[in-house]
Amino acid sequence: MTNDSVLQHIKNDEFYPTLIDKAVHLFFGICKFHCFADWNKRTCITATDKFLLINDIEVPDFAKKMEDVAVDLAKWDLEKDDLLQIFKLIL
């Protein structure tokens, strides 16, 4: 899956009906599918934060809150469903 396909998939309201679902898929896709040679974890945090801000959702200290989450996700210590639960808690 490429960076472009992650962005294309979140447009599908059938698979990702809510803003939280879209944000989770964006975060997960960038982190797990190694869209870039390096900085995937930082990019998933920054891109998702920007996505939320564009949609008028401000999460104070989002980057700080999501640092360990991104690391755990990259190591497969978290699954996508776990990530969804974390997003529901912080949003």
Foldseek 3Di string as FASTA:
>chain_A
DALVVLVVVLVDCVQQVDPLSNLLSQLLCQLAVCNDPDDSNVVNQVVSQVSCVVVVHHQPPSVVVCNVVSVCSNVVVDDSVRSSVVSVVRD
